[in-house]
Protein backbone atom coordinates (compact mmCIF):
# COMPACT_ATOMS: atom_id res chain seq x y z
CA MET A 1 -15.44 -12.01 -22.57
CA GLY A 2 -12.56 -13.22 -24.20
CA LEU A 3 -12.57 -16.69 -25.50
CA SER A 4 -15.51 -17.46 -23.60
CA ARG A 5 -17.25 -17.79 -26.84
CA LYS A 6 -15.74 -20.90 -27.30
CA LYS A 7 -17.98 -22.46 -24.50
CA ILE A 8 -15.41 -24.08 -22.19
CA CYS A 9 -16.76 -23.62 -18.58
CA PHE A 10 -19.61 -25.89 -17.52
CA ALA A 11 -18.18 -28.80 -19.02
CA ILE A 12 -19.68 -32.21 -18.13
CA ALA A 13 -17.67 -34.11 -21.03
CA CYS A 14 -19.41 -37.58 -22.13
CA LEU A 15 -16.46 -38.82 -20.06
CA VAL A 16 -19.22 -38.94 -16.89
CA ILE A 17 -21.80 -40.27 -18.36
CA PHE A 18 -22.14 -43.48 -17.53
CA THR A 19 -24.12 -46.22 -16.41
CA PHE A 20 -24.14 -46.42 -12.68
CA PRO A 21 -25.72 -49.63 -10.95
CA PHE A 22 -27.58 -47.37 -8.70
CA GLU A 23 -28.77 -44.94 -11.42
CA GLY A 24 -32.45 -46.36 -11.23
CA TYR A 25 -32.71 -45.13 -7.58
CA GLY A 26 -31.89 -40.97 -8.25
CA LYS A 27 -30.44 -39.01 -10.44
CA SER A 28 -27.32 -39.43 -12.69
CA PRO A 29 -24.21 -37.33 -12.58
CA SER A 30 -25.39 -35.82 -15.82
CA SER A 31 -28.86 -34.85 -15.38
CA LEU A 32 -27.61 -33.32 -11.60
CA VAL A 33 -25.00 -31.65 -14.15
CA LYS A 34 -27.89 -30.10 -15.99
CA GLU A 35 -29.71 -28.76 -12.86
CA GLY A 36 -26.45 -27.21 -11.84
CA ASN A 37 -25.98 -25.51 -15.59
CA SER A 38 -29.67 -24.45 -15.48
CA SER A 39 -29.38 -22.88 -11.77
CA TYR A 40 -26.19 -21.35 -12.97
CA SER A 41 -27.77 -19.98 -15.76
CA ALA A 42 -30.44 -18.50 -13.95
CA GLY A 43 -28.33 -16.96 -11.75
CA GLU A 44 -29.20 -19.19 -8.56
CA TYR A 45 -25.33 -20.03 -7.75
CA ASP A 46 -26.20 -21.88 -4.44
CA LYS A 47 -28.29 -24.24 -6.07
CA ALA A 48 -25.89 -24.53 -8.91
CA VAL A 49 -23.20 -25.44 -6.19
CA THR A 50 -25.61 -27.79 -4.54
CA ALA A 51 -26.22 -29.67 -7.80
CA TYR A 52 -22.57 -29.78 -8.59
CA ASP A 53 -21.81 -31.50 -5.18
CA GLU A 54 -24.54 -34.40 -5.69
CA ALA A 55 -23.09 -34.99 -9.18
CA LEU A 56 -19.41 -35.34 -7.52
CA LYS A 57 -20.87 -37.65 -5.17
CA GLU A 58 -21.35 -40.06 -8.16
CA ASP A 59 -18.15 -39.06 -9.98
CA ALA A 60 -15.51 -37.71 -8.14
CA GLU A 61 -13.34 -37.45 -10.40
CA SER A 62 -14.68 -35.57 -13.21
CA PRO A 63 -12.52 -32.56 -13.93
CA TYR A 64 -15.37 -31.07 -15.42
CA ILE A 65 -17.88 -30.94 -12.58
CA TYR A 66 -15.12 -29.41 -10.47
CA PHE A 67 -15.08 -26.73 -13.16
CA ASN A 68 -18.08 -25.93 -13.33
CA LYS A 69 -18.38 -25.50 -9.11
CA GLY A 70 -15.64 -23.58 -9.29
CA ALA A 71 -17.34 -20.86 -11.70
CA ALA A 72 -20.63 -21.07 -9.63
CA LEU A 73 -18.70 -20.14 -6.34
CA TYR A 74 -16.90 -17.56 -8.32
CA LYS A 75 -20.37 -16.06 -9.58
CA LYS A 76 -21.30 -16.40 -5.44
CA GLY A 77 -18.00 -14.27 -4.61
CA ASP A 78 -16.50 -17.35 -2.73
CA TYR A 79 -13.20 -16.99 -4.51
CA GLU A 80 -11.18 -19.45 -2.06
CA GLY A 81 -13.86 -21.95 -3.07
CA ALA A 82 -13.56 -21.68 -6.55
CA THR A 83 -9.87 -21.55 -6.32
CA GLU A 84 -10.20 -25.01 -4.67
CA ALA A 85 -12.60 -26.31 -7.08
CA PHE A 86 -10.15 -24.85 -10.10
CA GLU A 87 -7.12 -26.55 -8.35
CA LYS A 88 -9.04 -29.76 -8.25
CA ALA A 89 -10.26 -29.76 -11.93
CA ALA A 90 -6.41 -28.76 -12.87
CA LEU A 91 -5.10 -31.54 -11.33
CA LYS A 92 -7.65 -34.20 -12.37
CA SER A 93 -7.50 -33.32 -16.04
CA LYS A 94 -5.64 -35.43 -18.55
CA ASP A 95 -6.65 -33.06 -20.89
CA THR A 96 -3.51 -30.12 -21.39
CA GLY A 97 -5.87 -27.60 -23.11
CA PHE A 98 -8.35 -28.22 -20.36
CA GLU A 99 -5.74 -27.71 -17.88
CA ALA A 100 -4.83 -24.52 -18.84
CA LYS A 101 -8.35 -23.19 -18.93
CA SER A 102 -8.45 -23.82 -15.26
CA LYS A 103 -5.06 -22.61 -14.89
CA PHE A 104 -6.31 -19.18 -16.55
CA ASN A 105 -9.64 -19.28 -14.07
CA LEU A 106 -6.92 -19.57 -11.02
CA GLY A 107 -5.49 -16.80 -12.35
CA ASP A 108 -8.59 -14.80 -12.14
CA SER A 109 -9.55 -15.78 -8.91
CA ALA A 110 -6.11 -14.95 -7.49
CA TYR A 111 -6.75 -11.27 -9.00
CA ARG A 112 -10.00 -11.03 -7.39
CA SER A 113 -8.64 -12.07 -3.99
CA ALA A 114 -5.73 -9.74 -4.18
CA GLU A 115 -8.20 -6.93 -5.02
CA ALA A 116 -10.17 -7.22 -2.29
CA LEU A 117 -6.58 -6.95 -0.27
CA LYS A 118 -5.59 -3.81 -1.76
CA THR A 119 -7.37 -1.60 0.85
CA LYS A 120 -6.04 -3.58 3.72
CA ASP A 121 -2.84 -4.92 3.09
CA LEU A 122 -0.70 -3.69 -0.25
CA GLN A 123 2.21 -6.18 0.06
CA LYS A 124 -0.05 -8.85 0.46
CA ALA A 125 -2.25 -7.69 -2.59
CA LEU A 126 0.81 -7.55 -4.58
CA ASP A 127 1.63 -11.37 -3.56
CA GLY A 128 -1.52 -12.18 -4.66
CA PHE A 129 -1.47 -10.27 -7.96
CA SER A 130 1.93 -12.27 -8.43
CA LYS A 131 -0.05 -15.31 -8.03
CA SER A 132 -2.13 -14.40 -10.52
CA VAL A 133 0.57 -13.87 -13.08
CA SER A 134 1.82 -16.58 -12.08
CA TYR A 135 -1.32 -18.54 -12.91
CA TYR A 136 -1.80 -17.03 -16.35
CA GLN A 137 1.96 -17.71 -17.21
CA GLU A 138 1.34 -21.45 -16.33
CA SER A 139 -1.78 -21.15 -18.79
CA LEU A 140 0.25 -19.84 -21.45
CA ARG A 141 2.63 -22.83 -21.15
CA LEU A 142 0.20 -25.28 -21.93
CA ASP A 143 -1.21 -23.60 -24.32
CA PRO A 144 0.59 -21.18 -26.26
CA GLY A 145 -2.13 -20.02 -28.26
CA MET A 146 -3.78 -18.37 -25.31
CA LYS A 147 -3.30 -14.99 -26.07
CA GLU A 148 -5.71 -13.60 -23.54
CA ALA A 149 -3.47 -15.32 -20.81
CA ALA A 150 -0.70 -13.21 -22.03
CA GLU A 151 -2.34 -9.94 -22.50
CA ASN A 152 -3.76 -10.67 -18.34
CA ILE A 153 -0.48 -10.91 -17.67
CA GLU A 154 0.75 -7.13 -19.36
CA MET A 155 -2.49 -5.82 -17.41
CA VAL A 156 -2.01 -7.36 -13.88
CA ARG A 157 1.53 -6.08 -14.14
CA LEU A 158 0.64 -2.59 -14.60
CA VAL A 159 -1.44 -2.84 -11.20
CA MET A 160 1.34 -4.28 -9.91
CA LYS A 161 3.41 -1.47 -10.74
CA ASN A 162 0.99 1.01 -9.33
CA ILE A 163 0.85 -0.61 -5.97
CA LEU A 164 4.65 -0.99 -5.88
CA GLU A 165 5.13 2.74 -6.66
CA GLU A 166 2.35 3.21 -3.65
CA ILE A 167 4.22 1.09 -1.69
CA GLN A 168 7.48 3.22 -2.37
CA LYS A 169 5.43 6.46 -1.65
CA GLN A 170 4.06 5.13 1.91
CA LYS A 171 8.00 4.27 2.63
CA GLU A 172 8.76 7.70 1.85
CA SER A 173 5.60 9.47 3.62
CA GLY A 174 6.68 7.31 6.55
CA ARG A 175 10.10 8.25 6.47
CA LYS A 176 9.55 11.84 6.57
CA ASP A 177 6.34 11.41 9.04
CA GLN A 178 9.13 9.31 11.59
CA GLU A 179 11.31 12.35 11.17
CA LYS A 180 8.82 15.17 12.38
CA LYS A 181 7.90 13.00 15.26
CA GLN A 182 11.48 12.67 16.00
CA GLN A 183 11.99 16.46 16.20
CA ALA A 184 8.92 16.83 18.27
CA GLU A 185 10.37 14.54 20.62
CA LYS A 186 13.25 16.19 21.16
CA LYS A 187 11.63 19.64 21.29
CA LEU A 188 9.70 18.15 24.17
CA LYS A 189 12.75 16.74 25.85
CA GLU A 190 14.38 20.11 25.61
CA ILE A 191 11.79 21.63 27.39
CA ILE A 192 11.40 19.28 29.84
CA LYS A 193 15.30 19.94 30.96
CA GLU A 194 14.44 23.35 30.75
CA GLN A 195 11.65 22.85 33.07
CA GLU A 196 13.40 21.07 35.65
CA SER A 197 16.26 23.38 35.28
CA ALA A 198 13.78 26.34 36.51
CA LEU A 199 12.54 23.93 39.20
CA GLU A 200 15.75 23.68 40.72
CA LYS A 201 16.57 27.19 40.46
CA ASN A 202 13.14 27.89 42.35
CA LYS A 203 14.18 25.45 45.00
CA GLY A 204 17.83 27.12 45.50
CA ILE A 205 15.92 30.24 46.11
CA GLU A 206 13.55 28.68 48.49
CA LYS A 207 16.27 27.50 50.34
CA GLU A 208 18.50 30.73 49.92
CA LYS A 209 15.11 32.89 51.39
CA ALA A 210 14.63 30.56 54.34
CA ALA A 211 18.09 30.96 55.27
CA LYS A 212 18.65 34.54 54.86
CA GLY A 213 15.32 36.16 54.00
CA ASP A 214 14.34 38.61 51.08
CA SER A 215 16.70 40.68 49.71
CA SER A 216 16.16 43.01 46.24
CA ALA A 217 18.86 40.67 44.93
CA LEU A 218 16.59 37.60 45.72
CA ASN A 219 13.80 39.27 44.36
CA LYS A 220 15.53 40.17 41.08
CA ARG A 221 16.68 36.41 40.88
CA ILE A 222 12.47 35.33 41.42
CA SER A 223 11.36 38.12 38.47
CA ASP A 224 14.03 36.71 36.21
CA LEU A 225 13.03 33.44 36.76
CA ALA A 226 8.90 34.32 36.40
CA ASP A 227 10.27 35.30 32.82
CA GLU A 228 12.04 31.87 32.18
CA GLN A 229 9.01 30.59 33.25
CA LYS A 230 6.55 32.14 30.88
CA ALA A 231 9.31 31.78 28.18
CA ILE A 232 9.03 27.85 28.63
CA LYS A 233 5.53 27.94 28.97
CA ASP A 234 5.20 29.73 25.70
CA LYS A 235 7.63 26.80 24.00
CA THR A 236 4.99 24.28 25.27
CA GLU A 237 2.00 26.10 23.83
CA ALA A 238 3.94 26.39 20.68
CA LEU A 239 4.49 22.74 20.49
CA ALA A 240 1.29 21.74 21.60
CA LYS A 241 -0.28 23.93 18.52
CA GLU A 242 2.19 22.13 16.19
CA TRP A 243 0.80 18.77 17.30
CA SER A 244 -2.64 19.64 16.68
CA ARG A 245 -1.81 20.28 13.20
CA ASP A 246 -0.61 16.90 12.50
CA GLU A 247 -3.74 15.89 10.49
CA ASP A 248 -1.99 12.32 10.15
CA GLN A 249 -2.00 12.14 13.97
CA THR A 250 -5.53 13.46 15.03
CA THR A 251 -6.93 9.86 15.16
CA ALA A 252 -4.32 8.50 17.19
CA SER A 253 -5.57 8.05 20.99
CA ASP A 254 -1.77 8.34 22.29
CA LYS A 255 -1.64 11.36 20.36
CA ALA A 256 -4.62 12.60 21.89
CA SER A 257 -3.02 11.65 25.16
CA ALA A 258 0.10 13.49 24.42
CA SER A 259 -1.60 16.99 23.40
CA LYS A 260 -3.82 16.46 26.72
CA HIS A 261 -0.82 16.44 28.87
CA LEU A 262 0.19 19.01 27.04
CA GLU A 263 -2.38 21.43 27.52
CA ASN A 264 -1.87 20.29 31.24
CA ALA A 265 1.46 21.45 31.52
CA THR A 266 0.84 24.88 30.01
CA LYS A 267 -1.61 25.37 32.58
CA GLU A 268 0.97 24.44 35.34
CA GLN A 269 3.55 26.55 33.78
CA GLU A 270 1.30 29.54 33.53
CA ALA A 271 0.25 29.17 37.32
CA ALA A 272 4.00 28.93 38.00
CA ALA A 273 4.86 32.19 36.39
CA GLY A 274 2.06 33.46 38.19
CA ASN A 275 2.84 32.97 41.44
CA LEU A 276 6.56 33.60 40.86
CA GLY A 277 5.35 36.96 39.64
CA LEU A 278 3.59 37.62 43.34
CA LYS A 279 6.94 35.89 44.89
CA ASN A 280 5.09 33.00 45.98
CA THR A 281 7.83 30.42 45.16
CA LYS A 282 6.63 27.66 47.13
CA ASP A 283 3.25 27.67 45.36
CA ALA A 284 5.33 27.74 42.16
CA ALA A 285 7.15 24.93 42.93
CA LYS A 286 4.33 22.97 43.16
CA ASN A 287 3.08 24.07 39.56
CA GLN A 288 6.48 23.34 38.48
CA GLU A 289 6.56 19.75 39.45
CA GLU A 290 3.14 19.02 38.53
CA ALA A 291 4.46 20.77 34.80
CA VAL A 292 7.45 18.22 34.58
CA LYS A 293 5.14 15.38 35.41
CA GLU A 294 2.99 16.50 32.66
CA LEU A 295 5.47 16.85 30.14
CA LYS A 296 7.05 13.68 30.78
CA GLU A 297 3.85 11.65 30.48
CA ALA A 298 3.63 13.91 27.21
CA LEU A 299 6.77 12.41 26.25
CA ASP A 300 5.42 8.92 27.05
CA SER A 301 2.47 9.00 24.93
CA GLN A 302 4.24 10.45 21.96
CA GLN A 303 7.07 7.92 22.01
CA LYS A 304 3.73 5.12 22.22
CA ASP A 305 2.30 7.19 19.07
CA SER A 306 5.35 6.86 17.25
CA ASN A 307 5.52 3.22 17.53
CA ASN A 308 1.70 2.61 16.61
CA GLY A 309 1.86 5.53 13.60
CA SER A 310 2.87 3.65 10.74
CA VAL A 311 0.24 1.29 11.05
CA GLN A 312 -2.13 4.31 10.98
CA ASP A 313 -0.06 5.97 8.08
CA ASN A 314 -0.41 2.79 6.24
CA LYS A 315 -4.23 2.74 6.85
CA SER A 316 -4.45 6.28 5.27
CA GLN A 317 -2.14 5.70 2.24
CA GLN A 318 -4.19 2.32 1.57
CA ASP A 319 -7.71 4.51 1.82
CA LYS A 320 -6.21 6.69 -1.24
CA GLN A 321 -5.01 4.06 -3.12
CA GLN A 322 -8.46 2.48 -2.69
CA GLY A 323 -10.07 5.17 -4.89
CA GLN A 324 -7.65 5.41 -7.57
CA GLU A 325 -7.69 1.70 -8.41
CA GLN A 326 -11.41 1.12 -8.11
CA GLN A 327 -11.60 2.54 -11.63
CA GLN A 328 -9.25 0.23 -13.04
CA ALA A 329 -11.10 -2.63 -11.68
CA ALA A 330 -14.25 -1.43 -12.46
CA SER A 331 -14.16 -3.28 -15.84
CA SER A 332 -12.75 -6.22 -15.03
CA ASP A 333 -14.36 -9.49 -15.76
CA GLU A 334 -15.42 -11.99 -13.19
CA ASN A 335 -13.84 -14.97 -12.61
CA ARG A 336 -10.65 -14.77 -10.39
CA LYS A 337 -9.44 -15.67 -7.12
CA ASN A 338 -6.23 -16.31 -4.65
CA GLY A 339 -4.93 -19.73 -5.68
CA THR A 340 -4.37 -22.10 -2.64
CA ASP A 341 -2.24 -24.62 -4.54
CA GLN A 342 0.92 -24.50 -2.35
CA ALA A 343 3.52 -25.20 -4.95
CA GLN A 344 2.09 -22.10 -6.95
CA GLY A 345 2.02 -20.15 -3.95
CA GLN A 346 5.84 -20.82 -3.06
CA THR A 347 6.56 -20.48 -6.52
CA ALA A 348 5.03 -16.91 -6.70
CA GLN A 349 6.60 -15.77 -3.57
CA ALA A 350 10.20 -16.95 -4.61
CA ASN A 351 9.77 -14.98 -7.89
CA LEU A 352 7.89 -11.87 -6.60
CA SER A 353 11.24 -9.79 -5.94
CA ASP A 354 12.74 -10.51 -9.46
CA ASP A 355 9.11 -9.55 -10.79
CA ALA A 356 9.01 -6.49 -8.65
CA GLN A 357 12.32 -5.36 -10.17
CA GLU A 358 11.39 -5.99 -13.84
CA ILE A 359 8.03 -3.95 -13.63
CA LEU A 360 9.62 -0.90 -12.00
CA LYS A 361 12.57 -1.30 -14.48
CA ASP A 362 10.97 -2.25 -17.51
CA GLU A 363 7.21 -1.94 -17.85
CA LYS A 364 6.41 0.77 -20.41
CA GLU A 365 3.54 3.11 -19.54
CA ASN A 366 0.49 2.99 -21.14
CA LYS A 367 -1.97 5.37 -19.85
CA GLU A 368 -5.24 3.67 -21.88
CA GLN A 369 -4.40 0.47 -20.56
CA ARG A 370 -4.24 1.90 -17.06
CA LYS A 371 -7.50 3.58 -17.20
CA ALA A 372 -9.48 -0.11 -17.50
CA VAL A 373 -7.75 -3.20 -16.88
CA LEU A 374 -9.72 -5.76 -18.89
CA ILE A 375 -9.15 -9.36 -17.27
CA ARG A 376 -10.71 -11.86 -19.70
CA SER A 377 -11.93 -15.14 -17.93
CA TYR A 378 -13.53 -18.35 -19.06
CA LYS A 379 -17.19 -18.74 -17.43
CA GLU A 380 -19.78 -18.99 -19.63
CA VAL A 381 -21.83 -22.00 -19.54
CA ASP A 382 -21.52 -24.71 -22.69
CA LYS A 383 -24.56 -26.87 -21.93
CA ASP A 384 -24.34 -30.24 -20.72
CA TRP A 385 -21.33 -31.18 -22.61
């Protein structure tokens, strides 16, 4: 566990073992800390936190009690609470070495929070990992001999590099998907124009038929229009099949709605072609009008899906990323979370762009390190300092 052999955590120094005026009426801070440490060792982290909270009521300025509380909260998986406790430990400490250890555990906490974000929002996860690096850097600045902090920085940067590459892949995938959607919309708009044109031709034929009656020339135009209508139906049917093969969009409700409208349009187009074949131009016109309506509704649904599709694409890519990165996180040690210190957060945000560029340009490939990212942490209990 890195430097856990130095027994840094769970430290209630002699500093807090004072004689309080009310000590005879209740438990002393030191005895409460002993209870907390005992509960921690037994894996009873709720009880440990309760004991440390009671101790803090008697000595609210002890950085060691906050440090112990942070470790117990971390063990519970309450990384936000652990961060708050470790931050207070760092702020209240007058010992540079102890502050360095608190910053180290803040780095661990930020790492854990960032891990949880990888399947939800890669950019936020990247920000979290950057914050983790900032904490480790601060720890190393306070204690240059803390080699584990330097090692963790390099390993977290490898994780960040993977995320940056995945974000780039998502952007490229999103660009290609957007191009496909635009092409599909273009095809659909062309079909709508052709269907509207066929409808206008049919209306013209109806007017001429009402004014002049049937003629061989008119019947020839109706026959040609029936063939044209069938060709439009075939294009619509082909586009519907193309959309159904688009696996990335099969879960989108708007996409499903667009496909349904295309299916309805195809049926109306087929009926229109049949009626034209029978020289029934009036009923054919009704079918054509319905077809135009369905096609336009399909376009509207497709455009809505285009607006929503990028969110679904990101989720799909993040699901893939989760499986790839769980192996890296499996061997990570247990003491990190998302730091809430505002100044640290702003620093991480400000430096993220530069860090990202540096990682992309300068990070060396190290496959062995990628297989198992071991983040060391200070977490073992030093019984009752």
